[in-house]
Amino acid sequence: MLNSAGKSKMQLSGNFARLGCIVLVGCLLAGCRVGIIADSADDTRAWQGAWRMVSTTYDGEPQTADMEWIVDGDHYTIRLNGQSHEDPYTFTLDPRRKQIDVFHHETPPGTYGGSLKGIYEIKADSLTVCYDLTGQRYPESFDAKEGSRQVLYQFRRE
């Protein structure tokens, strides 16, 4: 049987089925995106506050300093030897890959273009971050072996 547009009931029901599948896939994709945004917000929220450095290694060598990161929103500032540096380091977290991207216009000598790529792990009051100081790749593990051009930080929440 044909309707006024010349289409059978089967053709119309097939079109509605396809439309239903498209709507379902769209809803599923939107739901996945909401989960990613929620995860990112959760990790960013967990980073908030003051973190005191307990150890650091750069390029295979242990480093010492009295350093804190003060995280507020999507950036952190550094307090080094009691002196606050007001110039913020803006960061973006990828909670699925546990990666961090940092932008800072003043970077240490030998770093690449004001950006850093890193990985992180946060558990309760412990934060571990490993950066590739060339800004060209994400570290594959939490280490800073000699020649790696990586730095490994370990912090405790204050």
C-alpha atoms as a PDB file:
ATOM      1  CA  MET A   1       0.000   0.000   0.000  1.00  0.00           C
ATOM      2  CA  LEU A   2       1.365   3.449  -0.940  1.00  0.00           C
ATOM      3  CA  ASN A   3       0.904   6.746   0.871  1.00  0.00           C
ATOM      4  CA  SER A   4       0.374  10.114  -0.819  1.00  0.00           C
ATOM      5  CA  ALA A   5       4.152  10.481  -1.433  1.00  0.00           C
ATOM      6  CA  GLY A   6       4.236   7.088  -3.169  1.00  0.00           C
ATOM      7  CA  LYS A   7       6.109   5.253  -0.387  1.00  0.00           C
ATOM      8  CA  SER A   8       5.083   1.962   1.102  1.00  0.00           C
ATOM      9  CA  LYS A   9       4.617   1.392   4.829  1.00  0.00           C
ATOM     10  CA  MET A  10       7.780  -0.763   4.778  1.00  0.00           C
ATOM     11  CA  GLN A  11       9.841   2.055   3.291  1.00  0.00           C
ATOM     12  CA  LEU A  12       8.514   4.484   5.905  1.00  0.00           C
ATOM     13  CA  SER A  13       9.171   2.105   8.794  1.00  0.00           C
ATOM     14  CA  GLY A  14      12.710   1.488   7.459  1.00  0.00           C
ATOM     15  CA  ASN A  15      13.311   5.242   7.375  1.00  0.00           C
ATOM     16  CA  PHE A  16      12.054   5.593  10.955  1.00  0.00           C
ATOM     17  CA  ALA A  17      14.303   2.701  12.046  1.00  0.00           C
ATOM     18  CA  ARG A  18      17.336   4.399  10.460  1.00  0.00           C
ATOM     19  CA  LEU A  19      16.391   7.695  12.077  1.00  0.00           C
ATOM     20  CA  GLY A  20      16.043   5.925  15.434  1.00  0.00           C
ATOM     21  CA  CYS A  21      19.524   4.387  15.053  1.00  0.00           C
ATOM     22  CA  ILE A  22      21.025   7.783  14.198  1.00  0.00           C
ATOM     23  CA  VAL A  23      19.402   9.363  17.248  1.00  0.00           C
ATOM     24  CA  LEU A  24      20.589   6.476  19.461  1.00  0.00           C
ATOM     25  CA  VAL A  25      24.193   6.715  18.208  1.00  0.00           C
ATOM     26  CA  GLY A  26      24.119  10.496  18.706  1.00  0.00           C
ATOM     27  CA  CYS A  27      22.915  10.087  22.276  1.00  0.00           C
ATOM     28  CA  LEU A  28      25.595   7.480  22.996  1.00  0.00           C
ATOM     29  CA  LEU A  29      28.333   9.714  21.600  1.00  0.00           C
ATOM     30  CA  ALA A  30      27.053  12.686  23.575  1.00  0.00           C
ATOM     31  CA  GLY A  31      27.028  10.531  26.704  1.00  0.00           C
ATOM     32  CA  CYS A  32      30.650   9.513  26.101  1.00  0.00           C
ATOM     33  CA  ARG A  33      31.665  13.153  25.726  1.00  0.00           C
ATOM     34  CA  VAL A  34      29.917  14.042  28.981  1.00  0.00           C
ATOM     35  CA  GLY A  35      31.916  11.258  30.683  1.00  0.00           C
ATOM     36  CA  ILE A  36      35.197  12.680  29.366  1.00  0.00           C
ATOM     37  CA  ILE A  37      34.290  16.181  30.538  1.00  0.00           C
ATOM     38  CA  ALA A  38      33.281  14.822  33.957  1.00  0.00           C
ATOM     39  CA  ASP A  39      36.540  12.826  34.281  1.00  0.00           C
ATOM     40  CA  SER A  40      38.594  15.889  33.366  1.00  0.00           C
ATOM     41  CA  ALA A  41      36.716  18.016  35.894  1.00  0.00           C
ATOM     42  CA  ASP A  42      37.220  15.340  38.570  1.00  0.00           C
ATOM     43  CA  ASP A  43      40.977  15.180  37.996  1.00  0.00           C
ATOM     44  CA  THR A  44      41.278  18.976  37.795  1.00  0.00           C
ATOM     45  CA  ARG A  45      39.347  19.231  41.076  1.00  0.00           C
ATOM     46  CA  ALA A  46      41.691  16.669  42.686  1.00  0.00           C
ATOM     47  CA  TRP A  47      44.715  18.762  41.670  1.00  0.00           C
ATOM     48  CA  GLN A  48      43.463  21.895  43.481  1.00  0.00           C
ATOM     49  CA  GLY A  49      45.410  23.257  46.437  1.00  0.00           C
ATOM     50  CA  ALA A  50      49.031  23.390  47.595  1.00  0.00           C
ATOM     51  CA  TRP A  51      51.494  20.593  46.832  1.00  0.00           C
ATOM     52  CA  ARG A  52      54.947  20.350  48.461  1.00  0.00           C
ATOM     53  CA  MET A  53      57.693  18.665  46.460  1.00  0.00           C
ATOM     54  CA  VAL A  54      59.114  15.618  48.240  1.00  0.00           C
ATOM     55  CA  SER A  55      61.530  14.558  45.494  1.00  0.00           C
ATOM     56  CA  THR A  56      62.566  15.373  41.965  1.00  0.00           C
ATOM     57  CA  THR A  57      64.912  13.888  39.396  1.00  0.00           C
ATOM     58  CA  TYR A  58      66.098  15.639  36.263  1.00  0.00           C
ATOM     59  CA  ASP A  59      67.927  13.756  33.526  1.00  0.00           C
ATOM     60  CA  GLY A  60      69.085  11.056  35.936  1.00  0.00           C
ATOM     61  CA  GLU A  61      70.203  13.401  38.719  1.00  0.00           C
ATOM     62  CA  PRO A  62      68.320  13.994  42.003  1.00  0.00           C
ATOM     63  CA  GLN A  63      67.505  17.664  42.537  1.00  0.00           C
ATOM     64  CA  THR A  64      66.837  19.533  45.768  1.00  0.00           C
ATOM     65  CA  ALA A  65      64.729  22.606  46.351  1.00  0.00           C
ATOM     66  CA  ASP A  66      62.048  23.875  48.663  1.00  0.00           C
ATOM     67  CA  MET A  67      59.267  23.978  46.080  1.00  0.00           C
ATOM     68  CA  GLU A  68      55.482  24.057  46.128  1.00  0.00           C
ATOM     69  CA  TRP A  69      52.912  24.117  43.357  1.00  0.00           C
ATOM     70  CA  ILE A  70      49.798  26.104  44.151  1.00  0.00           C
ATOM     71  CA  VAL A  71      47.018  24.885  41.849  1.00  0.00           C
ATOM     72  CA  ASP A  72      44.009  27.101  41.253  1.00  0.00           C
ATOM     73  CA  GLY A  73      41.580  26.144  38.489  1.00  0.00           C
ATOM     74  CA  ASP A  74      43.419  25.367  35.251  1.00  0.00           C
ATOM     75  CA  HIS A  75      46.802  26.781  36.256  1.00  0.00           C
ATOM     76  CA  TYR A  76      49.479  26.519  38.909  1.00  0.00           C
ATOM     77  CA  THR A  77      52.051  28.903  40.265  1.00  0.00           C
ATOM     78  CA  ILE A  78      55.342  27.937  41.858  1.00  0.00           C
ATOM     79  CA  ARG A  79      56.686  28.897  45.245  1.00  0.00           C
ATOM     80  CA  LEU A  80      60.447  28.275  45.252  1.00  0.00           C
ATOM     81  CA  ASN A  81      62.462  28.668  48.456  1.00  0.00           C
ATOM     82  CA  GLY A  82      59.610  30.661  49.972  1.00  0.00           C
ATOM     83  CA  GLN A  83      59.382  33.074  47.020  1.00  0.00           C
ATOM     84  CA  SER A  84      56.103  33.041  45.103  1.00  0.00           C
ATOM     85  CA  HIS A  85      56.317  33.301  41.339  1.00  0.00           C
ATOM     86  CA  GLU A  86      53.066  34.840  40.149  1.00  0.00           C
ATOM     87  CA  ASP A  87      53.518  33.823  36.519  1.00  0.00           C
ATOM     88  CA  PRO A  88      51.022  30.955  36.043  1.00  0.00           C
ATOM     89  CA  TYR A  89      51.538  27.682  34.229  1.00  0.00           C
ATOM     90  CA  THR A  90      48.270  26.902  32.422  1.00  0.00           C
ATOM     91  CA  PHE A  91      47.518  23.193  32.091  1.00  0.00           C
ATOM     92  CA  THR A  92      45.059  20.818  30.469  1.00  0.00           C
ATOM     93  CA  LEU A  93      44.529  17.279  31.757  1.00  0.00           C
ATOM     94  CA  ASP A  94      43.542  14.234  29.731  1.00  0.00           C
ATOM     95  CA  PRO A  95      42.239  11.884  32.430  1.00  0.00           C
ATOM     96  CA  ARG A  96      41.828   8.887  30.120  1.00  0.00           C
ATOM     97  CA  ARG A  97      45.509   8.866  29.137  1.00  0.00           C
ATOM     98  CA  LYS A  98      46.693  10.559  32.357  1.00  0.00           C
ATOM     99  CA  GLN A  99      48.474  13.165  30.250  1.00  0.00           C
ATOM    100  CA  ILE A 100      49.052  16.824  30.986  1.00  0.00           C
ATOM    101  CA  ASP A 101      49.830  19.673  28.612  1.00  0.00           C
ATOM    102  CA  VAL A 102      51.341  22.809  30.136  1.00  0.00           C
ATOM    103  CA  PHE A 103      51.907  26.196  28.560  1.00  0.00           C
ATOM    104  CA  HIS A 104      54.221  28.787  30.047  1.00  0.00           C
ATOM    105  CA  HIS A 105      55.763  31.654  28.135  1.00  0.00           C
ATOM    106  CA  GLU A 106      58.934  31.621  30.257  1.00  0.00           C
ATOM    107  CA  THR A 107      60.493  28.169  30.153  1.00  0.00           C
ATOM    108  CA  PRO A 108      63.800  26.843  31.448  1.00  0.00           C
ATOM    109  CA  PRO A 109      66.741  26.969  29.007  1.00  0.00           C
ATOM    110  CA  GLY A 110      66.684  24.103  26.515  1.00  0.00           C
ATOM    111  CA  THR A 111      62.949  23.549  26.611  1.00  0.00           C
ATOM    112  CA  TYR A 112      60.742  23.704  23.555  1.00  0.00           C
ATOM    113  CA  GLY A 113      58.480  26.648  22.761  1.00  0.00           C
ATOM    114  CA  GLY A 114      56.896  27.308  26.131  1.00  0.00           C
ATOM    115  CA  SER A 115      55.019  24.029  26.291  1.00  0.00           C
ATOM    116  CA  LEU A 116      55.544  20.799  28.149  1.00  0.00           C
ATOM    117  CA  LYS A 117      54.031  17.366  27.675  1.00  0.00           C
ATOM    118  CA  GLY A 118      53.743  15.074  30.643  1.00  0.00           C
ATOM    119  CA  ILE A 119      52.015  12.245  32.401  1.00  0.00           C
ATOM    120  CA  TYR A 120      50.560  12.288  35.886  1.00  0.00           C
ATOM    121  CA  GLU A 121      49.188  10.099  38.632  1.00  0.00           C
ATOM    122  CA  ILE A 122      47.147  11.418  41.515  1.00  0.00           C
ATOM    123  CA  LYS A 123      46.173   9.304  44.507  1.00  0.00           C
ATOM    124  CA  ALA A 124      44.662  10.918  47.599  1.00  0.00           C
ATOM    125  CA  ASP A 125      47.428  13.239  48.874  1.00  0.00           C
ATOM    126  CA  SER A 126      50.122  12.157  46.417  1.00  0.00           C
ATOM    127  CA  LEU A 127      50.819  13.693  42.990  1.00  0.00           C
ATOM    128  CA  THR A 128      53.462  12.396  40.576  1.00  0.00           C
ATOM    129  CA  VAL A 129      54.236  14.269  37.356  1.00  0.00           C
ATOM    130  CA  CYS A 130      56.807  13.458  34.685  1.00  0.00           C
ATOM    131  CA  TYR A 131      57.523  16.008  31.933  1.00  0.00           C
ATOM    132  CA  ASP A 132      59.387  15.742  28.668  1.00  0.00           C
ATOM    133  CA  LEU A 133      61.270  19.050  28.701  1.00  0.00           C
ATOM    134  CA  THR A 134      61.599  19.146  24.927  1.00  0.00           C
ATOM    135  CA  GLY A 135      57.798  19.478  24.677  1.00  0.00           C
ATOM    136  CA  GLN A 136      57.818  17.032  21.758  1.00  0.00           C
ATOM    137  CA  ARG A 137      56.331  13.859  23.268  1.00  0.00           C
ATOM    138  CA  TYR A 138      54.603  12.412  26.301  1.00  0.00           C
ATOM    139  CA  PRO A 139      56.842  10.318  28.575  1.00  0.00           C
ATOM    140  CA  GLU A 140      56.089   6.613  28.418  1.00  0.00           C
ATOM    141  CA  SER A 141      56.866   5.991  32.093  1.00  0.00           C
ATOM    142  CA  PHE A 142      57.492   7.769  35.373  1.00  0.00           C
ATOM    143  CA  ASP A 143      61.263   8.095  35.192  1.00  0.00           C
ATOM    144  CA  ALA A 144      63.884  10.671  34.322  1.00  0.00           C
ATOM    145  CA  LYS A 145      66.892   8.614  33.291  1.00  0.00           C
ATOM    146  CA  GLU A 146      70.147  10.194  32.192  1.00  0.00           C
ATOM    147  CA  GLY A 147      69.835  11.557  28.663  1.00  0.00           C
ATOM    148  CA  SER A 148      66.021  11.428  28.730  1.00  0.00           C
ATOM    149  CA  ARG A 149      65.497  15.229  28.982  1.00  0.00           C
ATOM    150  CA  GLN A 150      62.714  14.381  31.435  1.00  0.00           C
ATOM    151  CA  VAL A 151      61.970  15.589  34.938  1.00  0.00           C
ATOM    152  CA  LEU A 152      60.072  13.571  37.538  1.00  0.00           C
ATOM    153  CA  TYR A 153      58.318  15.356  40.404  1.00  0.00           C
ATOM    154  CA  GLN A 154      56.699  13.779  43.453  1.00  0.00           C
ATOM    155  CA  PHE A 155      54.482  15.922  45.672  1.00  0.00           C
ATOM    156  CA  ARG A 156      52.441  15.603  48.859  1.00  0.00           C
ATOM    157  CA  ARG A 157      49.343  17.671  49.490  1.00  0.00           C
ATOM    158  CA  GLU A 158      49.763  20.310  52.175  1.00  0.00           C
END
